[in-house]
N, C-alpha and C. Protein backbone atom coordinates (compact mmCIF):
# COMPACT_ATOMS: atom_id res chain seq x y z
N MET A 1 0.72 -1.19 -0.08
CA MET A 1 0.12 0.06 0.05
C MET A 1 0.98 1.17 -0.08
N PHE A 2 1.98 1.23 0.76
CA PHE A 2 2.87 2.55 0.74
C PHE A 2 4.16 2.07 0.05
N ASN A 3 3.86 1.73 -1.07
CA ASN A 3 5.19 1.07 -1.82
C ASN A 3 5.42 2.58 -2.92
N ILE A 4 5.87 3.74 -2.28
CA ILE A 4 6.03 4.88 -3.17
C ILE A 4 7.67 5.27 -3.13
N ASP A 5 8.04 5.35 -4.34
CA ASP A 5 9.12 5.57 -4.65
C ASP A 5 9.69 7.42 -4.55
N PHE A 6 10.83 7.62 -4.21
CA PHE A 6 11.32 8.52 -3.62
C PHE A 6 11.19 9.85 -4.76
N SER A 7 11.11 9.32 -6.08
CA SER A 7 11.34 10.14 -7.29
C SER A 7 9.90 10.32 -7.45
N ASP A 8 8.73 9.50 -7.00
CA ASP A 8 7.44 9.65 -7.16
C ASP A 8 6.90 11.24 -6.36
N LEU A 9 7.52 10.80 -5.14
CA LEU A 9 7.39 12.24 -4.37
C LEU A 9 8.03 13.72 -4.77
N LEU A 10 9.06 13.44 -5.21
CA LEU A 10 9.47 14.43 -5.97
C LEU A 10 8.81 15.15 -7.50
N ALA A 11 8.32 14.11 -7.78
CA ALA A 11 7.75 14.59 -9.21
C ALA A 11 6.41 15.25 -8.73
N ALA A 12 5.76 14.47 -7.54
CA ALA A 12 4.58 15.31 -7.09
C ALA A 12 4.89 16.59 -6.69
N LEU A 13 5.84 16.76 -5.86
CA LEU A 13 6.26 18.19 -5.31
C LEU A 13 6.78 19.35 -6.43
N ALA A 14 7.42 18.55 -7.62
CA ALA A 14 7.29 19.57 -8.41
C ALA A 14 6.31 19.95 -9.31
N LEU A 15 5.25 19.00 -9.86
CA LEU A 15 3.96 19.45 -10.00
C LEU A 15 3.24 20.44 -9.27
N VAL A 16 3.42 20.34 -7.80
CA VAL A 16 2.70 21.53 -7.04
C VAL A 16 3.22 22.69 -7.39
N PHE A 17 4.80 22.65 -7.51
CA PHE A 17 4.98 24.10 -7.69
C PHE A 17 4.76 24.67 -9.20
N ILE A 18 4.79 24.06 -10.03
CA ILE A 18 4.31 24.28 -11.34
C ILE A 18 2.85 25.05 -11.26
N LEU A 19 2.18 23.90 -10.80
CA LEU A 19 0.56 24.50 -10.78
C LEU A 19 0.53 26.01 -9.92
N GLU A 20 0.86 25.70 -8.80
CA GLU A 20 0.82 27.07 -7.78
C GLU A 20 1.84 28.14 -8.77
N GLY A 21 2.77 27.97 -9.40
CA GLY A 21 3.40 29.14 -10.14
C GLY A 21 2.38 29.55 -11.41
N LEU A 22 1.51 29.11 -11.80
CA LEU A 22 0.89 29.14 -13.03
C LEU A 22 -0.01 30.74 -12.74
N ILE A 23 -0.91 30.55 -11.45
CA ILE A 23 -1.51 32.01 -11.42
C ILE A 23 -0.87 33.29 -11.52
N PRO A 24 0.13 33.13 -10.58
CA PRO A 24 1.01 34.46 -10.66
C PRO A 24 1.90 34.75 -11.57
N PHE A 25 1.96 33.52 -12.53
CA PHE A 25 2.79 34.11 -13.93
C PHE A 25 1.59 34.73 -15.13
N LEU A 26 0.27 34.04 -14.88
CA LEU A 26 -0.57 34.10 -15.86
C LEU A 26 -1.28 35.36 -15.65
N ASN A 27 -1.47 35.43 -14.47
CA ASN A 27 -2.54 37.06 -14.14
C ASN A 27 -1.86 37.22 -12.40
N PRO A 28 -1.01 38.25 -12.50
CA PRO A 28 -0.16 38.75 -11.19
C PRO A 28 -1.24 39.40 -10.34
N GLU A 29 -2.08 40.41 -10.89
CA GLU A 29 -3.17 41.13 -10.09
C GLU A 29 -4.27 40.14 -9.55
N SER A 30 -4.31 38.72 -10.02
CA SER A 30 -5.56 38.08 -9.57
C SER A 30 -5.08 37.80 -8.26
N ILE A 31 -3.53 37.32 -7.93
CA ILE A 31 -2.88 36.59 -7.01
C ILE A 31 -2.99 37.73 -6.06
N ARG A 32 -2.83 38.92 -6.36
CA ARG A 32 -2.55 40.22 -5.31
C ARG A 32 -3.75 40.28 -4.51
N LYS A 33 -5.09 40.00 -5.25
CA LYS A 33 -6.23 40.32 -4.86
C LYS A 33 -6.54 38.76 -3.76
N ILE A 34 -6.21 37.90 -4.62
CA ILE A 34 -6.58 36.67 -3.62
C ILE A 34 -5.63 36.56 -1.96
N PHE A 35 -4.52 37.26 -2.23
CA PHE A 35 -3.79 37.29 -0.87
C PHE A 35 -4.49 38.49 0.04
N LEU A 36 -4.94 39.25 -0.76
CA LEU A 36 -5.49 40.74 0.23
C LEU A 36 -6.89 39.89 0.53
N ALA A 37 -7.52 39.28 -0.09
CA ALA A 37 -8.65 38.65 0.47
C ALA A 37 -8.29 37.69 1.66
N ALA A 38 -7.63 36.67 1.22
CA ALA A 38 -7.04 36.00 2.52
C ALA A 38 -6.55 36.49 3.64
N ALA A 39 -5.86 37.58 3.55
CA ALA A 39 -5.20 38.33 4.66
C ALA A 39 -6.36 38.80 5.68
N GLN A 40 -7.58 39.16 5.14
CA GLN A 40 -8.88 39.58 5.69
C GLN A 40 -9.56 38.63 6.65
N MET A 41 -9.49 37.35 6.10
CA MET A 41 -10.26 35.79 6.47
C MET A 41 -9.79 35.66 7.82
N ASP A 42 -10.46 35.59 8.90
CA ASP A 42 -9.90 35.16 10.22
C ASP A 42 -9.71 33.56 9.93
N ASN A 43 -8.95 33.18 11.47
CA ASN A 43 -7.90 31.85 11.28
C ASN A 43 -9.25 30.73 11.11
N GLN A 44 -10.29 30.60 11.46
CA GLN A 44 -11.05 29.51 11.69
C GLN A 44 -11.67 29.31 9.73
N THR A 45 -11.76 30.35 9.17
CA THR A 45 -12.00 30.28 7.68
C THR A 45 -11.03 29.46 6.90
N LEU A 46 -9.67 30.24 7.33
CA LEU A 46 -8.61 29.67 6.42
C LEU A 46 -8.49 28.12 6.92
N ARG A 47 -8.32 27.90 8.01
CA ARG A 47 -8.11 26.29 8.56
C ARG A 47 -9.20 25.52 7.86
N PHE A 48 -10.37 25.93 7.84
CA PHE A 48 -11.60 25.28 6.94
C PHE A 48 -11.19 24.87 5.52
N LEU A 49 -10.80 25.83 4.94
CA LEU A 49 -10.21 26.22 3.64
C LEU A 49 -8.95 25.01 3.35
N GLY A 50 -8.12 25.37 4.09
CA GLY A 50 -6.87 24.29 4.49
C GLY A 50 -7.42 22.94 4.24
N VAL A 51 -8.11 22.52 5.28
CA VAL A 51 -8.57 21.18 5.69
C VAL A 51 -9.37 20.60 4.50
N SER A 52 -10.39 21.60 3.91
CA SER A 52 -10.97 21.22 2.56
C SER A 52 -10.15 20.73 1.52
N SER A 53 -9.38 21.54 1.35
CA SER A 53 -8.09 21.56 -0.09
C SER A 53 -7.62 20.07 0.32
N MET A 54 -7.10 19.92 1.51
CA MET A 54 -6.40 18.31 1.76
C MET A 54 -7.21 17.46 1.41
N LEU A 55 -8.61 17.37 1.96
CA LEU A 55 -9.34 16.27 1.73
C LEU A 55 -9.54 16.33 0.38
N VAL A 56 -10.01 17.30 -0.21
CA VAL A 56 -10.10 16.89 -1.95
C VAL A 56 -8.85 16.48 -2.63
N GLY A 57 -7.71 16.98 -2.12
CA GLY A 57 -6.30 16.38 -2.67
C GLY A 57 -6.39 14.82 -2.21
N LEU A 58 -6.66 14.22 -0.80
CA LEU A 58 -6.83 12.99 -0.50
C LEU A 58 -7.54 12.02 -1.34
N ILE A 59 -8.78 12.70 -1.33
CA ILE A 59 -9.86 11.98 -2.57
C ILE A 59 -9.45 11.53 -3.86
N LEU A 60 -8.92 13.25 -4.28
CA LEU A 60 -8.51 12.73 -5.57
C LEU A 60 -7.22 11.40 -5.64
N LEU A 61 -6.44 11.80 -4.87
CA LEU A 61 -5.26 10.94 -4.87
C LEU A 61 -5.70 9.65 -4.40
N TYR A 62 -6.56 9.16 -3.75
CA TYR A 62 -7.28 7.76 -3.63
C TYR A 62 -7.72 7.48 -4.93
N ILE A 63 -8.58 8.14 -5.49
CA ILE A 63 -9.19 7.57 -6.97
C ILE A 63 -8.09 7.41 -7.95
N VAL A 64 -7.10 8.24 -8.02
CA VAL A 64 -5.96 8.09 -9.25
C VAL A 64 -5.10 6.85 -8.96
N ARG A 65 -4.90 6.67 -7.47
CA ARG A 65 -3.81 5.78 -7.08
C ARG A 65 -4.52 4.29 -7.21
C-alpha cells in the first residue's frame, strides 16, 4: 500500500510548484487580490479552507492511485 518511490514524491512536489506558479505567472493582479482577501479572513475560515483542500487532494489521490 505504501510502496512509494522517492522519485514519485519529488515529481509530485515539482507538479505542486508548477501548478502554484501558474496563477502568478498568468495573472499577477489576480493573485494580489486573492492574497489580500485571504489576509482579511479569520483563522477559522483559513483552517477550514486548508482542511477542505487537503481532503479534496486525498480523495483525488485515492481515486488516481
